[in-house]
Amino acid sequence: PGFFLALIVGPGLAILAWLPGLKVLRNLLLALP
């Protein structure tokens, strides 16, 4: 479950960050890892 949760959360956040109006999330993802 840990591996699948990471595979869901990680790419899911990346897709959201690509959408318009979520520049804050994008900048956070660039610094968070």
All heavy atoms as atom14 arrays in JSON, in Angstrom:
{
  "sequence": "PGFFLALIVGPGLAILAWLPGLKVLRNLLLALP",
  "atom14_mask": [
    [1, 1, 1, 1, 1, 1, 1, 0, 0, 0, 0, 0, 0, 0],
    [1, 1, 1, 1, 0, 0, 0, 0, 0, 0, 0, 0, 0, 0],
    [1, 1, 1, 1, 1, 1, 1, 1, 1, 1, 1, 0, 0, 0],
    [1, 1, 1, 1, 1, 1, 1, 1, 1, 1, 1, 0, 0, 0],
    [1, 1, 1, 1, 1, 1, 1, 1, 0, 0, 0, 0, 0, 0],
    [1, 1, 1, 1, 1, 0, 0, 0, 0, 0, 0, 0, 0, 0],
    [1, 1, 1, 1, 1, 1, 1, 1, 0, 0, 0, 0, 0, 0],
    [1, 1, 1, 1, 1, 1, 1, 1, 0, 0, 0, 0, 0, 0],
    [1, 1, 1, 1, 1, 1, 1, 0, 0, 0, 0, 0, 0, 0],
    [1, 1, 1, 1, 0, 0, 0, 0, 0, 0, 0, 0, 0, 0],
    [1, 1, 1, 1, 1, 1, 1, 0, 0, 0, 0, 0, 0, 0],
    [1, 1, 1, 1, 0, 0, 0, 0, 0, 0, 0, 0, 0, 0],
    [1, 1, 1, 1, 1, 1, 1, 1, 0, 0, 0, 0, 0, 0],
    [1, 1, 1, 1, 1, 0, 0, 0, 0, 0, 0, 0, 0, 0],
    [1, 1, 1, 1, 1, 1, 1, 1, 0, 0, 0, 0, 0, 0],
    [1, 1, 1, 1, 1, 1, 1, 1, 0, 0, 0, 0, 0, 0],
    [1, 1, 1, 1, 1, 0, 0, 0, 0, 0, 0, 0, 0, 0],
    [1, 1, 1, 1, 1, 1, 1, 1, 1, 1, 1, 1, 1, 1],
    [1, 1, 1, 1, 1, 1, 1, 1, 0, 0, 0, 0, 0, 0],
    [1, 1, 1, 1, 1, 1, 1, 0, 0, 0, 0, 0, 0, 0],
    [1, 1, 1, 1, 0, 0, 0, 0, 0, 0, 0, 0, 0, 0],
    [1, 1, 1, 1, 1, 1, 1, 1, 0, 0, 0, 0, 0, 0],
    [1, 1, 1, 1, 1, 1, 1, 1, 1, 0, 0, 0, 0, 0],
    [1, 1, 1, 1, 1, 1, 1, 0, 0, 0, 0, 0, 0, 0],
    [1, 1, 1, 1, 1, 1, 1, 1, 0, 0, 0, 0, 0, 0],
    [1, 1, 1, 1, 1, 1, 1, 1, 1, 1, 1, 0, 0, 0],
    [1, 1, 1, 1, 1, 1, 1, 1, 0, 0, 0, 0, 0, 0],
    [1, 1, 1, 1, 1, 1, 1, 1, 0, 0, 0, 0, 0, 0],
    [1, 1, 1, 1, 1, 1, 1, 1, 0, 0, 0, 0, 0, 0],
    [1, 1, 1, 1, 1, 1, 1, 1, 0, 0, 0, 0, 0, 0],
    [1, 1, 1, 1, 1, 0, 0, 0, 0, 0, 0, 0, 0, 0],
    [1, 1, 1, 1, 1, 1, 1, 1, 0, 0, 0, 0, 0, 0],
    [1, 1, 1, 1, 1, 1, 1, 0, 0, 0, 0, 0, 0, 0]
  ],
  "atom14_positions": [
    [[0.82, -1.23, 0.0], [0.0, 0.0, 0.0], [0.84, 1.26, 0.0], [0.44, 2.27, -0.58], [-0.83, -0.13, 1.28], [-0.1, -1.1, 2.14], [0.57, -2.04, 1.21], [0.0, 0.0, 0.0], [0.0, 0.0, 0.0], [0.0, 0.0, 0.0], [0.0, 0.0, 0.0], [0.0, 0.0, 0.0], [0.0, 0.0, 0.0], [0.0, 0.0, 0.0]],
    [[2.02, 1.24, 0.64], [2.89, 2.41, 0.63], [3.37, 2.73, -0.76], [3.41, 3.9, -1.18], [0.0, 0.0, 0.0], [0.0, 0.0, 0.0], [0.0, 0.0, 0.0], [0.0, 0.0, 0.0], [0.0, 0.0, 0.0], [0.0, 0.0, 0.0], [0.0, 0.0, 0.0], [0.0, 0.0, 0.0], [0.0, 0.0, 0.0], [0.0, 0.0, 0.0]],
    [[3.74, 1.7, -1.52], [4.22, 1.9, -2.89], [3.11, 2.43, -3.79], [3.31, 3.38, -4.56], [4.76, 0.57, -3.42], [5.46, 0.69, -4.74], [6.54, 1.54, -4.91], [5.06, -0.08, -5.83], [7.2, 1.63, -6.12], [5.71, 0.01, -7.04], [6.77, 0.87, -7.19], [0.0, 0.0, 0.0], [0.0, 0.0, 0.0], [0.0, 0.0, 0.0]],
    [[1.92, 1.84, -3.69], [0.81, 2.28, -4.54], [0.33, 3.68, -4.14], [-0.08, 4.46, -5.0], [-0.33, 1.27, -4.5], [-0.12, 0.1, -5.4], [0.3, -1.12, -4.89], [-0.3, 0.2, -6.76], [0.52, -2.2, -5.71], [-0.1, -0.87, -7.61], [0.31, -2.09, -7.08], [0.0, 0.0, 0.0], [0.0, 0.0, 0.0], [0.0, 0.0, 0.0]],
    [[0.37, 3.99, -2.85], [-0.01, 5.34, -2.42], [0.96, 6.36, -3.0], [0.54, 7.44, -3.46], [-0.02, 5.42, -0.89], [-0.38, 6.79, -0.3], [-1.79, 7.2, -0.72], [-0.26, 6.77, 1.22], [0.0, 0.0, 0.0], [0.0, 0.0, 0.0], [0.0, 0.0, 0.0], [0.0, 0.0, 0.0], [0.0, 0.0, 0.0], [0.0, 0.0, 0.0]],
    [[2.25, 6.04, -3.0], [3.24, 6.94, -3.58], [3.01, 7.11, -5.08], [3.14, 8.21, -5.62], [4.65, 6.42, -3.31], [0.0, 0.0, 0.0], [0.0, 0.0, 0.0], [0.0, 0.0, 0.0], [0.0, 0.0, 0.0], [0.0, 0.0, 0.0], [0.0, 0.0, 0.0], [0.0, 0.0, 0.0], [0.0, 0.0, 0.0], [0.0, 0.0, 0.0]],
    [[2.66, 6.0, -5.76], [2.41, 6.08, -7.2], [1.15, 6.86, -7.53], [1.03, 7.41, -8.63], [2.29, 4.66, -7.78], [3.59, 3.85, -7.88], [3.3, 2.46, -8.41], [4.6, 4.56, -8.76], [0.0, 0.0, 0.0], [0.0, 0.0, 0.0], [0.0, 0.0, 0.0], [0.0, 0.0, 0.0], [0.0, 0.0, 0.0], [0.0, 0.0, 0.0]],
    [[0.22, 6.91, -6.6], [-1.01, 7.68, -6.82], [-0.79, 9.15, -6.47], [-1.13, 10.05, -7.25], [-2.17, 7.09, -6.0], [-2.53, 5.7, -6.51], [-3.39, 8.01, -6.05], [-3.53, 4.96, -5.65], [0.0, 0.0, 0.0], [0.0, 0.0, 0.0], [0.0, 0.0, 0.0], [0.0, 0.0, 0.0], [0.0, 0.0, 0.0], [0.0, 0.0, 0.0]],
    [[-0.22, 9.41, -5.3], [-0.06, 10.77, -4.82], [0.96, 11.54, -5.66], [0.7, 12.69, -6.07], [0.36, 10.78, -3.33], [0.7, 12.18, -2.87], [-0.76, 10.2, -2.48], [0.0, 0.0, 0.0], [0.0, 0.0, 0.0], [0.0, 0.0, 0.0], [0.0, 0.0, 0.0], [0.0, 0.0, 0.0], [0.0, 0.0, 0.0], [0.0, 0.0, 0.0]],
    [[2.11, 10.94, -5.92], [3.16, 11.64, -6.66], [2.73, 12.09, -8.04], [2.68, 13.3, -8.33], [0.0, 0.0, 0.0], [0.0, 0.0, 0.0], [0.0, 0.0, 0.0], [0.0, 0.0, 0.0], [0.0, 0.0, 0.0], [0.0, 0.0, 0.0], [0.0, 0.0, 0.0], [0.0, 0.0, 0.0], [0.0, 0.0, 0.0], [0.0, 0.0, 0.0]],
    [[2.39, 11.17, -8.95], [1.91, 11.59, -10.28], [0.64, 12.42, -10.22], [0.45, 13.32, -11.05], [1.66, 10.26, -10.99], [2.57, 9.29, -10.3], [2.57, 9.72, -8.86], [0.0, 0.0, 0.0], [0.0, 0.0, 0.0], [0.0, 0.0, 0.0], [0.0, 0.0, 0.0], [0.0, 0.0, 0.0], [0.0, 0.0, 0.0], [0.0, 0.0, 0.0]],
    [[-0.25, 12.14, -9.25], [-1.48, 12.95, -9.15], [-1.18, 14.41, -8.88], [-1.78, 15.31, -9.49], [0.0, 0.0, 0.0], [0.0, 0.0, 0.0], [0.0, 0.0, 0.0], [0.0, 0.0, 0.0], [0.0, 0.0, 0.0], [0.0, 0.0, 0.0], [0.0, 0.0, 0.0], [0.0, 0.0, 0.0], [0.0, 0.0, 0.0], [0.0, 0.0, 0.0]],
    [[-0.24, 14.67, -7.96], [0.15, 16.05, -7.69], [0.81, 16.69, -8.9], [0.63, 17.89, -9.17], [1.08, 16.09, -6.48], [0.46, 15.78, -5.12], [1.53, 15.75, -4.04], [-0.61, 16.82, -4.77], [0.0, 0.0, 0.0], [0.0, 0.0, 0.0], [0.0, 0.0, 0.0], [0.0, 0.0, 0.0], [0.0, 0.0, 0.0], [0.0, 0.0, 0.0]],
    [[1.6, 15.9, -9.63], [2.27, 16.44, -10.83], [1.25, 16.85, -11.88], [1.41, 17.89, -12.54], [3.23, 15.39, -11.39], [0.0, 0.0, 0.0], [0.0, 0.0, 0.0], [0.0, 0.0, 0.0], [0.0, 0.0, 0.0], [0.0, 0.0, 0.0], [0.0, 0.0, 0.0], [0.0, 0.0, 0.0], [0.0, 0.0, 0.0], [0.0, 0.0, 0.0]],
    [[0.2, 16.06, -12.04], [-0.85, 16.41, -13.01], [-1.58, 17.67, -12.58], [-1.85, 18.56, -13.4], [-1.83, 15.23, -13.18], [-1.11, 14.03, -13.81], [-3.03, 15.64, -14.03], [-1.95, 12.76, -13.83], [0.0, 0.0, 0.0], [0.0, 0.0, 0.0], [0.0, 0.0, 0.0], [0.0, 0.0, 0.0], [0.0, 0.0, 0.0], [0.0, 0.0, 0.0]],
    [[-1.89, 17.78, -11.29], [-2.56, 18.98, -10.8], [-1.69, 20.22, -10.99], [-2.18, 21.3, -11.35], [-2.91, 18.81, -9.32], [-4.02, 17.81, -8.98], [-4.18, 17.68, -7.47], [-5.34, 18.23, -9.62], [0.0, 0.0, 0.0], [0.0, 0.0, 0.0], [0.0, 0.0, 0.0], [0.0, 0.0, 0.0], [0.0, 0.0, 0.0], [0.0, 0.0, 0.0]],
    [[-0.38, 20.07, -10.74], [0.52, 21.2, -10.88], [0.64, 21.67, -12.33], [0.99, 22.82, -12.58], [1.9, 20.84, -10.34], [0.0, 0.0, 0.0], [0.0, 0.0, 0.0], [0.0, 0.0, 0.0], [0.0, 0.0, 0.0], [0.0, 0.0, 0.0], [0.0, 0.0, 0.0], [0.0, 0.0, 0.0], [0.0, 0.0, 0.0], [0.0, 0.0, 0.0]],
    [[0.33, 20.79, -13.28], [0.41, 21.15, -14.69], [-0.8, 21.97, -15.14], [-0.74, 22.69, -16.12], [0.52, 19.87, -15.51], [0.85, 20.08, -16.96], [2.07, 20.28, -17.5], [-0.08, 20.09, -18.05], [1.98, 20.42, -18.85], [0.65, 20.3, -19.22], [-1.47, 19.94, -18.16], [0.07, 20.36, -20.49], [-2.05, 20.01, -19.4], [-1.29, 20.21, -20.55]],
    [[-1.88, 21.85, -14.38], [-3.1, 22.55, -14.76], [-2.98, 24.05, -14.48], [-2.23, 24.47, -13.59], [-4.3, 21.96, -14.0], [-4.6, 20.49, -14.28], [-5.74, 20.0, -13.4], [-4.93, 20.28, -15.76], [0.0, 0.0, 0.0], [0.0, 0.0, 0.0], [0.0, 0.0, 0.0], [0.0, 0.0, 0.0], [0.0, 0.0, 0.0], [0.0, 0.0, 0.0]],
    [[-3.72, 24.89, -15.21], [-3.62, 26.35, -15.02], [-4.07, 26.75, -13.62], [-4.95, 26.14, -13.01], [-4.58, 26.9, -16.08], [-4.75, 25.8, -17.09], [-4.62, 24.53, -16.32], [0.0, 0.0, 0.0], [0.0, 0.0, 0.0], [0.0, 0.0, 0.0], [0.0, 0.0, 0.0], [0.0, 0.0, 0.0], [0.0, 0.0, 0.0], [0.0, 0.0, 0.0]],
    [[-3.45, 27.8, -13.09], [-3.85, 28.38, -11.83], [-3.27, 27.71, -10.6], [-3.63, 28.06, -9.47], [0.0, 0.0, 0.0], [0.0, 0.0, 0.0], [0.0, 0.0, 0.0], [0.0, 0.0, 0.0], [0.0, 0.0, 0.0], [0.0, 0.0, 0.0], [0.0, 0.0, 0.0], [0.0, 0.0, 0.0], [0.0, 0.0, 0.0], [0.0, 0.0, 0.0]],
    [[-2.38, 26.73, -10.79], [-1.79, 26.03, -9.64], [-0.28, 26.2, -9.62], [0.47, 25.26, -9.37], [-2.17, 24.55, -9.68], [-3.65, 24.23, -9.48], [-3.91, 22.74, -9.62], [-4.12, 24.71, -8.11], [0.0, 0.0, 0.0], [0.0, 0.0, 0.0], [0.0, 0.0, 0.0], [0.0, 0.0, 0.0], [0.0, 0.0, 0.0], [0.0, 0.0, 0.0]],
    [[0.18, 27.4, -9.88], [1.61, 27.68, -9.91], [2.24, 27.49, -8.53], [3.39, 27.07, -8.4], [1.86, 29.11, -10.41], [3.33, 29.44, -10.59], [3.5, 30.83, -11.17], [4.99, 31.14, -11.36], [5.18, 32.5, -11.92], [0.0, 0.0, 0.0], [0.0, 0.0, 0.0], [0.0, 0.0, 0.0], [0.0, 0.0, 0.0], [0.0, 0.0, 0.0]],
    [[1.47, 27.78, -7.47], [1.99, 27.61, -6.11], [2.32, 26.15, -5.84], [3.37, 25.82, -5.27], [0.98, 28.14, -5.08], [1.46, 27.85, -3.67], [0.76, 29.64, -5.26], [0.0, 0.0, 0.0], [0.0, 0.0, 0.0], [0.0, 0.0, 0.0], [0.0, 0.0, 0.0], [0.0, 0.0, 0.0], [0.0, 0.0, 0.0], [0.0, 0.0, 0.0]],
    [[1.42, 25.26, -6.26], [1.66, 23.84, -6.09], [2.88, 23.4, -6.88], [3.7, 22.59, -6.41], [0.43, 23.04, -6.53], [0.55, 21.5, -6.47], [0.84, 21.04, -5.05], [-0.71, 20.85, -7.01], [0.0, 0.0, 0.0], [0.0, 0.0, 0.0], [0.0, 0.0, 0.0], [0.0, 0.0, 0.0], [0.0, 0.0, 0.0], [0.0, 0.0, 0.0]],
    [[3.03, 23.95, -8.06], [4.17, 23.6, -8.9], [5.49, 24.0, -8.22], [6.43, 23.22, -8.17], [4.04, 24.29, -10.26], [5.22, 24.08, -11.18], [5.05, 24.88, -12.47], [6.21, 24.71, -13.3], [6.39, 23.68, -14.14], [5.47, 22.75, -14.22], [7.47, 23.59, -14.87], [0.0, 0.0, 0.0], [0.0, 0.0, 0.0], [0.0, 0.0, 0.0]],
    [[5.55, 25.21, -7.72], [6.76, 25.68, -7.05], [7.05, 24.85, -5.79], [8.22, 24.58, -5.46], [6.63, 27.15, -6.68], [6.56, 28.05, -7.91], [7.08, 27.69, -8.97], [5.94, 29.21, -7.77], [0.0, 0.0, 0.0], [0.0, 0.0, 0.0], [0.0, 0.0, 0.0], [0.0, 0.0, 0.0], [0.0, 0.0, 0.0], [0.0, 0.0, 0.0]],
    [[5.99, 24.45, -5.1], [6.17, 23.64, -3.9], [6.75, 22.27, -4.26], [7.66, 21.78, -3.58], [4.83, 23.47, -3.19], [4.84, 22.6, -1.92], [5.74, 23.23, -0.85], [3.43, 22.41, -1.38], [0.0, 0.0, 0.0], [0.0, 0.0, 0.0], [0.0, 0.0, 0.0], [0.0, 0.0, 0.0], [0.0, 0.0, 0.0], [0.0, 0.0, 0.0]],
    [[6.26, 21.67, -5.33], [6.74, 20.36, -5.74], [8.19, 20.41, -6.19], [8.93, 19.43, -6.07], [5.86, 19.8, -6.85], [4.46, 19.37, -6.45], [3.69, 18.86, -7.64], [4.51, 18.31, -5.36], [0.0, 0.0, 0.0], [0.0, 0.0, 0.0], [0.0, 0.0, 0.0], [0.0, 0.0, 0.0], [0.0, 0.0, 0.0], [0.0, 0.0, 0.0]],
    [[8.62, 21.55, -6.73], [10.01, 21.67, -7.15], [10.96, 21.72, -5.96], [12.12, 21.32, -6.06], [10.19, 22.92, -8.02], [9.56, 22.87, -9.42], [9.7, 24.21, -10.11], [10.23, 21.77, -10.24], [0.0, 0.0, 0.0], [0.0, 0.0, 0.0], [0.0, 0.0, 0.0], [0.0, 0.0, 0.0], [0.0, 0.0, 0.0], [0.0, 0.0, 0.0]],
    [[10.46, 22.2, -4.82], [11.32, 22.34, -3.64], [11.15, 21.21, -2.64], [12.06, 20.91, -1.87], [11.02, 23.67, -2.94], [0.0, 0.0, 0.0], [0.0, 0.0, 0.0], [0.0, 0.0, 0.0], [0.0, 0.0, 0.0], [0.0, 0.0, 0.0], [0.0, 0.0, 0.0], [0.0, 0.0, 0.0], [0.0, 0.0, 0.0], [0.0, 0.0, 0.0]],
    [[9.98, 20.56, -2.66], [9.65, 19.6, -1.61], [10.43, 18.29, -1.66], [10.82, 17.77, -0.61], [8.14, 19.3, -1.66], [7.54, 18.58, -0.45], [7.78, 19.38, 0.82], [6.06, 18.35, -0.67], [0.0, 0.0, 0.0], [0.0, 0.0, 0.0], [0.0, 0.0, 0.0], [0.0, 0.0, 0.0], [0.0, 0.0, 0.0], [0.0, 0.0, 0.0]],
    [[10.68, 17.68, -2.84], [11.32, 16.36, -2.85], [12.65, 16.3, -2.13], [12.9, 15.37, -1.36], [11.5, 16.08, -4.35], [10.4, 16.83, -5.0], [10.27, 18.09, -4.17], [0.0, 0.0, 0.0], [0.0, 0.0, 0.0], [0.0, 0.0, 0.0], [0.0, 0.0, 0.0], [0.0, 0.0, 0.0], [0.0, 0.0, 0.0], [0.0, 0.0, 0.0]]
  ]
}
